[in-house]
Amino acid sequence: MKGLRSPHKRLGNKIQPAMSQMEQGMETIIKTFHKHSGKEGDPDTLSQKEFKQLLNKDMPNTFKKEKKDKKAMNHMMEDLDTDKDGQLCFDEFVDLLVKVLITDHKKTHKNVSSYDNGLSHDPSYGPSLREGDNRGNCHSK
């Protein structure tokens, strides 16, 4: 039928299954990094200018306070730049994303009842972990 989109994509002459939402998210992170890293200097690192542009354009709501404070932005870059070369490689950039994800995940645990043992998520995140659940627990209170 004309007009219907296939859930698969073609890679050369092979048909690949459509990516999951998680896989699409990971691909977006990589593409976004490279969209900014290729603007000046090394195509596999972010300069301070490229880093600021990425945060402003592609993470506009995440660092509102820091983006208004030049010192805070410089400090964030220095903290992430573990090899102290003045640029962020992909691994150093991903460290920032990990910190953001952990912080956002912890926010999903606020205002939970004692019945949920402090492990409940907003209903949109799926089922709560309840006492007696055998699924392992890496949460700290």
N, C-alpha and C. Protein backbone atom coordinates (compact mmCIF):
# COMPACT_ATOMS: atom_id res chain seq x y z
N MET A 1 0.84 -1.19 0.00
CA MET A 1 0.00 0.00 0.00
C MET A 1 0.87 1.24 0.00
N LYS A 2 0.51 2.15 -0.82
CA LYS A 2 1.26 3.38 -0.91
C LYS A 2 0.96 4.26 0.31
N GLY A 3 2.00 4.92 0.84
CA GLY A 3 1.80 5.83 1.95
C GLY A 3 2.07 5.22 3.31
N LEU A 4 2.11 3.89 3.43
CA LEU A 4 2.41 3.27 4.71
C LEU A 4 3.92 3.14 4.86
N ARG A 5 4.43 3.43 6.03
CA ARG A 5 5.86 3.32 6.28
C ARG A 5 6.16 1.97 6.90
N SER A 6 7.21 1.37 6.44
CA SER A 6 7.64 0.09 6.97
C SER A 6 8.32 0.29 8.32
N PRO A 7 8.13 -0.65 9.27
CA PRO A 7 8.83 -0.54 10.54
C PRO A 7 10.29 -0.96 10.41
N HIS A 8 10.74 -1.22 9.20
CA HIS A 8 12.11 -1.64 8.94
C HIS A 8 12.82 -0.58 8.11
N LYS A 9 14.15 -0.58 8.18
CA LYS A 9 14.89 0.32 7.32
C LYS A 9 15.90 -0.48 6.53
N ARG A 10 16.22 0.02 5.38
CA ARG A 10 17.14 -0.67 4.47
C ARG A 10 18.56 -0.18 4.75
N LEU A 11 19.49 -1.11 4.90
CA LEU A 11 20.90 -0.82 5.05
C LEU A 11 21.61 -1.56 3.94
N GLY A 12 21.97 -0.84 2.87
CA GLY A 12 22.49 -1.50 1.68
C GLY A 12 21.37 -2.31 1.07
N ASN A 13 21.63 -3.60 0.83
CA ASN A 13 20.57 -4.44 0.29
C ASN A 13 19.97 -5.34 1.37
N LYS A 14 20.28 -5.04 2.64
CA LYS A 14 19.69 -5.79 3.76
C LYS A 14 18.62 -4.95 4.43
N ILE A 15 17.58 -5.60 4.89
CA ILE A 15 16.53 -4.90 5.62
C ILE A 15 16.78 -5.10 7.11
N GLN A 16 16.86 -4.00 7.84
CA GLN A 16 17.10 -4.01 9.28
C GLN A 16 15.79 -3.74 10.01
N PRO A 17 15.54 -4.43 11.14
CA PRO A 17 14.34 -4.11 11.92
C PRO A 17 14.43 -2.69 12.46
N ALA A 18 13.30 -2.08 12.66
CA ALA A 18 13.26 -0.72 13.20
C ALA A 18 13.90 -0.70 14.58
N MET A 19 14.53 0.42 14.90
CA MET A 19 15.17 0.55 16.21
C MET A 19 14.12 0.77 17.29
N SER A 20 14.43 0.27 18.47
CA SER A 20 13.56 0.51 19.63
C SER A 20 13.71 1.97 20.06
N GLN A 21 12.84 2.38 20.95
CA GLN A 21 12.90 3.75 21.47
C GLN A 21 14.24 3.99 22.15
N MET A 22 14.74 3.01 22.90
CA MET A 22 16.03 3.14 23.58
C MET A 22 17.16 3.27 22.56
N GLU A 23 17.14 2.45 21.53
CA GLU A 23 18.18 2.51 20.50
C GLU A 23 18.14 3.84 19.75
N GLN A 24 16.95 4.34 19.49
CA GLN A 24 16.82 5.65 18.83
C GLN A 24 17.41 6.75 19.71
N GLY A 25 17.16 6.65 21.02
CA GLY A 25 17.71 7.63 21.95
C GLY A 25 19.23 7.62 21.96
N MET A 26 19.82 6.42 21.95
CA MET A 26 21.28 6.32 21.93
C MET A 26 21.85 6.88 20.63
N GLU A 27 21.19 6.57 19.52
CA GLU A 27 21.64 7.10 18.23
C GLU A 27 21.54 8.62 18.21
N THR A 28 20.50 9.16 18.81
CA THR A 28 20.33 10.61 18.87
C THR A 28 21.46 11.26 19.67
N ILE A 29 21.86 10.64 20.77
CA ILE A 29 22.97 11.17 21.57
C ILE A 29 24.25 11.24 20.74
N ILE A 30 24.55 10.17 20.03
CA ILE A 30 25.77 10.12 19.21
C ILE A 30 25.71 11.16 18.09
N LYS A 31 24.58 11.22 17.40
CA LYS A 31 24.44 12.18 16.29
C LYS A 31 24.51 13.62 16.79
N THR A 32 23.91 13.88 17.95
CA THR A 32 23.92 15.23 18.51
C THR A 32 25.34 15.63 18.88
N PHE A 33 26.09 14.72 19.50
CA PHE A 33 27.48 15.00 19.84
C PHE A 33 28.26 15.37 18.58
N HIS A 34 28.13 14.55 17.54
CA HIS A 34 28.90 14.78 16.31
C HIS A 34 28.42 16.00 15.52
N LYS A 35 27.17 16.35 15.68
CA LYS A 35 26.65 17.56 15.02
C LYS A 35 27.41 18.79 15.54
N HIS A 36 27.75 18.77 16.82
CA HIS A 36 28.44 19.91 17.43
C HIS A 36 29.96 19.75 17.41
N SER A 37 30.46 18.53 17.53
CA SER A 37 31.91 18.33 17.64
C SER A 37 32.64 18.62 16.33
N GLY A 38 31.98 18.57 15.23
CA GLY A 38 32.64 18.77 13.96
C GLY A 38 32.76 20.22 13.52
N LYS A 39 32.35 21.16 14.33
CA LYS A 39 32.32 22.56 13.91
C LYS A 39 33.70 23.22 13.90
N GLU A 40 34.55 22.88 14.84
CA GLU A 40 35.90 23.47 14.89
C GLU A 40 36.86 22.47 15.51
N GLY A 41 38.08 22.47 15.05
CA GLY A 41 39.10 21.60 15.63
C GLY A 41 38.83 20.13 15.40
N ASP A 42 39.13 19.33 16.39
CA ASP A 42 39.01 17.87 16.34
C ASP A 42 37.54 17.47 16.16
N PRO A 43 37.23 16.66 15.13
CA PRO A 43 35.83 16.27 14.89
C PRO A 43 35.28 15.29 15.93
N ASP A 44 36.13 14.76 16.80
CA ASP A 44 35.66 13.81 17.82
C ASP A 44 35.69 14.38 19.23
N THR A 45 35.84 15.70 19.36
CA THR A 45 35.79 16.33 20.68
C THR A 45 34.97 17.61 20.59
N LEU A 46 34.49 18.04 21.74
CA LEU A 46 33.77 19.31 21.85
C LEU A 46 34.71 20.34 22.45
N SER A 47 34.89 21.46 21.77
CA SER A 47 35.59 22.59 22.37
C SER A 47 34.64 23.21 23.40
N GLN A 48 35.14 24.15 24.17
CA GLN A 48 34.27 24.81 25.14
C GLN A 48 33.11 25.50 24.42
N LYS A 49 33.39 26.14 23.30
CA LYS A 49 32.35 26.83 22.53
C LYS A 49 31.32 25.82 22.02
N GLU A 50 31.78 24.70 21.47
CA GLU A 50 30.86 23.67 20.95
C GLU A 50 30.02 23.07 22.08
N PHE A 51 30.64 22.86 23.24
CA PHE A 51 29.93 22.32 24.40
C PHE A 51 28.80 23.26 24.81
N LYS A 52 29.10 24.55 24.89
CA LYS A 52 28.07 25.53 25.26
C LYS A 52 26.95 25.56 24.23
N GLN A 53 27.31 25.48 22.94
CA GLN A 53 26.29 25.47 21.90
C GLN A 53 25.40 24.23 22.01
N LEU A 54 26.00 23.09 22.29
CA LEU A 54 25.22 21.85 22.45
C LEU A 54 24.24 22.00 23.61
N LEU A 55 24.72 22.49 24.76
CA LEU A 55 23.83 22.65 25.91
C LEU A 55 22.70 23.63 25.60
N ASN A 56 23.03 24.73 24.95
CA ASN A 56 22.02 25.74 24.63
C ASN A 56 20.98 25.24 23.65
N LYS A 57 21.43 24.53 22.62
CA LYS A 57 20.51 24.11 21.57
C LYS A 57 19.81 22.79 21.88
N ASP A 58 20.54 21.82 22.41
CA ASP A 58 20.00 20.47 22.53
C ASP A 58 19.68 20.04 23.96
N MET A 59 20.02 20.85 24.95
CA MET A 59 19.63 20.58 26.33
C MET A 59 19.18 21.89 26.97
N PRO A 60 18.26 22.61 26.34
CA PRO A 60 17.93 23.96 26.78
C PRO A 60 17.29 24.05 28.16
N ASN A 61 16.66 22.99 28.63
CA ASN A 61 15.97 23.04 29.92
C ASN A 61 16.76 22.40 31.05
N THR A 62 17.84 21.73 30.73
CA THR A 62 18.57 20.95 31.73
C THR A 62 19.49 21.82 32.58
N PHE A 63 20.14 22.79 32.00
CA PHE A 63 21.13 23.60 32.73
C PHE A 63 20.79 25.09 32.65
N LYS A 64 19.55 25.43 32.90
CA LYS A 64 19.10 26.82 32.79
C LYS A 64 19.95 27.75 33.66
N LYS A 65 20.14 27.36 34.91
CA LYS A 65 20.87 28.20 35.86
C LYS A 65 22.34 28.33 35.45
N GLU A 66 22.96 27.21 35.11
CA GLU A 66 24.38 27.20 34.77
C GLU A 66 24.65 28.00 33.49
N LYS A 67 23.73 27.94 32.53
CA LYS A 67 23.94 28.63 31.25
C LYS A 67 23.97 30.15 31.42
N LYS A 68 23.35 30.65 32.48
CA LYS A 68 23.34 32.09 32.73
C LYS A 68 24.62 32.55 33.43
N ASP A 69 25.39 31.61 33.96
CA ASP A 69 26.59 31.91 34.75
C ASP A 69 27.82 31.36 34.02
N LYS A 70 28.61 32.27 33.44
CA LYS A 70 29.78 31.85 32.66
C LYS A 70 30.76 31.04 33.51
N LYS A 71 30.95 31.44 34.77
CA LYS A 71 31.86 30.70 35.66
C LYS A 71 31.37 29.28 35.88
N ALA A 72 30.07 29.12 36.07
CA ALA A 72 29.50 27.78 36.29
C ALA A 72 29.69 26.91 35.06
N MET A 73 29.51 27.50 33.88
CA MET A 73 29.71 26.74 32.64
C MET A 73 31.17 26.32 32.50
N ASN A 74 32.09 27.23 32.79
CA ASN A 74 33.51 26.90 32.70
C ASN A 74 33.88 25.82 33.71
N HIS A 75 33.32 25.92 34.91
CA HIS A 75 33.59 24.93 35.95
C HIS A 75 33.05 23.55 35.54
N MET A 76 31.86 23.52 34.95
CA MET A 76 31.28 22.26 34.50
C MET A 76 32.19 21.60 33.46
N MET A 77 32.66 22.39 32.52
CA MET A 77 33.56 21.88 31.48
C MET A 77 34.85 21.35 32.11
N GLU A 78 35.42 22.09 33.04
CA GLU A 78 36.66 21.66 33.71
C GLU A 78 36.46 20.35 34.45
N ASP A 79 35.33 20.22 35.13
CA ASP A 79 35.04 18.98 35.88
C ASP A 79 34.91 17.78 34.94
N LEU A 80 34.28 17.98 33.81
CA LEU A 80 34.07 16.88 32.87
C LEU A 80 35.34 16.51 32.10
N ASP A 81 36.22 17.48 31.90
CA ASP A 81 37.44 17.30 31.11
C ASP A 81 38.50 16.57 31.95
N THR A 82 38.34 15.26 32.09
CA THR A 82 39.20 14.49 32.99
C THR A 82 40.64 14.40 32.53
N ASP A 83 40.90 14.49 31.23
CA ASP A 83 42.29 14.44 30.75
C ASP A 83 42.90 15.83 30.61
N LYS A 84 42.14 16.85 30.98
CA LYS A 84 42.59 18.24 31.03
C LYS A 84 43.21 18.74 29.73
N ASP A 85 42.59 18.36 28.60
CA ASP A 85 43.08 18.83 27.30
C ASP A 85 42.27 20.02 26.77
N GLY A 86 41.33 20.51 27.58
CA GLY A 86 40.53 21.66 27.17
C GLY A 86 39.38 21.33 26.24
N GLN A 87 39.14 20.04 26.01
CA GLN A 87 38.06 19.60 25.15
C GLN A 87 37.36 18.40 25.80
N LEU A 88 36.15 18.11 25.33
CA LEU A 88 35.44 16.94 25.83
C LEU A 88 35.36 15.89 24.74
N CYS A 89 35.91 14.71 25.03
CA CYS A 89 35.72 13.58 24.12
C CYS A 89 34.32 13.00 24.40
N PHE A 90 33.91 12.06 23.60
CA PHE A 90 32.57 11.49 23.76
C PHE A 90 32.40 10.86 25.14
N ASP A 91 33.42 10.13 25.63
CA ASP A 91 33.34 9.50 26.95
C ASP A 91 33.10 10.53 28.05
N GLU A 92 33.80 11.66 27.98
CA GLU A 92 33.64 12.71 28.99
C GLU A 92 32.24 13.32 28.89
N PHE A 93 31.74 13.50 27.69
CA PHE A 93 30.39 14.03 27.50
C PHE A 93 29.35 13.07 28.06
N VAL A 94 29.53 11.78 27.83
CA VAL A 94 28.59 10.78 28.33
C VAL A 94 28.56 10.79 29.86
N ASP A 95 29.70 11.10 30.50
CA ASP A 95 29.71 11.21 31.96
C ASP A 95 28.70 12.25 32.43
N LEU A 96 28.57 13.35 31.70
CA LEU A 96 27.58 14.37 32.03
C LEU A 96 26.17 13.80 31.91
N LEU A 97 25.91 13.08 30.82
CA LEU A 97 24.58 12.51 30.62
C LEU A 97 24.23 11.51 31.71
N VAL A 98 25.22 10.72 32.14
CA VAL A 98 24.99 9.76 33.22
C VAL A 98 24.57 10.50 34.49
N LYS A 99 25.28 11.57 34.82
CA LYS A 99 24.94 12.34 36.03
C LYS A 99 23.52 12.92 35.93
N VAL A 100 23.18 13.43 34.76
CA VAL A 100 21.83 13.99 34.56
C VAL A 100 20.78 12.89 34.70
N LEU A 101 21.02 11.74 34.09
CA LEU A 101 20.06 10.63 34.17
C LEU A 101 19.88 10.14 35.60
N ILE A 102 20.97 10.02 36.35
CA ILE A 102 20.87 9.57 37.74
C ILE A 102 20.08 10.58 38.56
N THR A 103 20.36 11.86 38.38
CA THR A 103 19.62 12.90 39.11
C THR A 103 18.14 12.86 38.76
N ASP A 104 17.83 12.76 37.47
CA ASP A 104 16.43 12.71 37.06
C ASP A 104 15.74 11.45 37.57
N HIS A 105 16.45 10.33 37.60
CA HIS A 105 15.87 9.09 38.11
C HIS A 105 15.55 9.23 39.59
N LYS A 106 16.44 9.84 40.35
CA LYS A 106 16.20 10.02 41.79
C LYS A 106 14.96 10.88 42.03
N LYS A 107 14.71 11.83 41.13
CA LYS A 107 13.53 12.69 41.27
C LYS A 107 12.24 11.87 41.17
N THR A 108 12.29 10.73 40.47
CA THR A 108 11.09 9.90 40.35
C THR A 108 10.75 9.20 41.66
N HIS A 109 11.68 9.21 42.62
CA HIS A 109 11.47 8.53 43.89
C HIS A 109 11.00 9.47 45.00
N LYS A 110 10.83 10.73 44.69
CA LYS A 110 10.37 11.68 45.71
C LYS A 110 8.91 11.44 46.03
N ASN A 111 8.52 11.80 47.26
CA ASN A 111 7.13 11.74 47.70
C ASN A 111 6.50 10.36 47.55
N VAL A 112 7.20 9.34 48.01
CA VAL A 112 6.65 7.99 47.95
C VAL A 112 6.16 7.60 49.33
N SER A 113 5.23 6.68 49.38
CA SER A 113 4.69 6.24 50.66
C SER A 113 5.60 5.20 51.29
N SER A 114 5.47 4.99 52.57
CA SER A 114 6.27 3.98 53.25
C SER A 114 5.88 2.58 52.77
N TYR A 115 4.65 2.43 52.26
CA TYR A 115 4.21 1.14 51.73
C TYR A 115 5.09 0.70 50.57
N ASP A 116 5.53 1.66 49.78
CA ASP A 116 6.37 1.35 48.63
C ASP A 116 7.84 1.23 49.01
N ASN A 117 8.17 1.37 50.30
CA ASN A 117 9.53 1.22 50.78
C ASN A 117 10.47 2.22 50.10
N GLY A 118 9.95 3.37 49.70
CA GLY A 118 10.77 4.40 49.09
C GLY A 118 11.23 4.09 47.69
N LEU A 119 10.61 3.12 47.03
CA LEU A 119 11.09 2.70 45.71
C LEU A 119 10.07 2.91 44.61
N SER A 120 9.02 3.64 44.88
CA SER A 120 7.97 3.80 43.88
C SER A 120 8.40 4.77 42.79
N HIS A 121 7.83 4.57 41.63
CA HIS A 121 8.02 5.48 40.52
C HIS A 121 6.69 6.12 40.19
N ASP A 122 6.77 7.23 39.53
CA ASP A 122 5.58 7.83 38.96
C ASP A 122 4.89 6.74 38.14
N PRO A 123 3.56 6.66 38.13
CA PRO A 123 2.88 5.59 37.40
C PRO A 123 3.29 5.48 35.93
N SER A 124 3.73 6.56 35.34
CA SER A 124 4.13 6.50 33.93
C SER A 124 5.43 5.73 33.74
N TYR A 125 6.15 5.44 34.82
CA TYR A 125 7.41 4.70 34.72
C TYR A 125 7.23 3.20 34.90
N GLY A 126 6.04 2.74 35.07
CA GLY A 126 5.81 1.30 35.21
C GLY A 126 5.50 0.92 36.64
N PRO A 127 5.49 -0.39 36.94
CA PRO A 127 5.07 -0.86 38.26
C PRO A 127 6.04 -0.46 39.36
N SER A 128 5.49 -0.30 40.56
CA SER A 128 6.31 0.00 41.73
C SER A 128 7.02 -1.25 42.20
N LEU A 129 8.14 -1.05 42.87
CA LEU A 129 8.79 -2.17 43.54
C LEU A 129 8.19 -2.25 44.94
N ARG A 130 7.72 -3.39 45.31
CA ARG A 130 7.07 -3.57 46.61
C ARG A 130 7.90 -4.51 47.47
N GLU A 131 7.63 -4.51 48.78
CA GLU A 131 8.32 -5.43 49.67
C GLU A 131 8.09 -6.86 49.20
N GLY A 132 9.12 -7.67 49.29
CA GLY A 132 9.00 -9.05 48.87
C GLY A 132 9.31 -9.25 47.40
N ASP A 133 9.54 -8.20 46.69
CA ASP A 133 9.88 -8.30 45.27
C ASP A 133 11.30 -8.84 45.17
N ASN A 134 11.52 -9.79 44.32
CA ASN A 134 12.83 -10.44 44.20
C ASN A 134 13.70 -9.84 43.11
N ARG A 135 13.40 -8.67 42.63
CA ARG A 135 14.11 -8.12 41.48
C ARG A 135 15.40 -7.40 41.83
N GLY A 136 16.00 -7.54 42.89
CA GLY A 136 17.25 -6.82 43.16
C GLY A 136 16.99 -5.35 43.44
N ASN A 137 17.92 -4.73 44.11
CA ASN A 137 17.72 -3.36 44.53
C ASN A 137 19.06 -2.65 44.62
N CYS A 138 19.27 -1.66 43.80
CA CYS A 138 20.49 -0.87 43.90
C CYS A 138 20.17 0.53 44.39
N HIS A 139 18.98 0.72 44.92
CA HIS A 139 18.57 2.03 45.40
C HIS A 139 19.10 2.26 46.81
N SER A 140 19.60 3.45 47.04
CA SER A 140 19.98 3.81 48.40
C SER A 140 19.02 4.89 48.87
N LYS A 141 18.71 4.85 50.12
CA LYS A 141 17.77 5.83 50.68
C LYS A 141 18.50 7.04 51.15
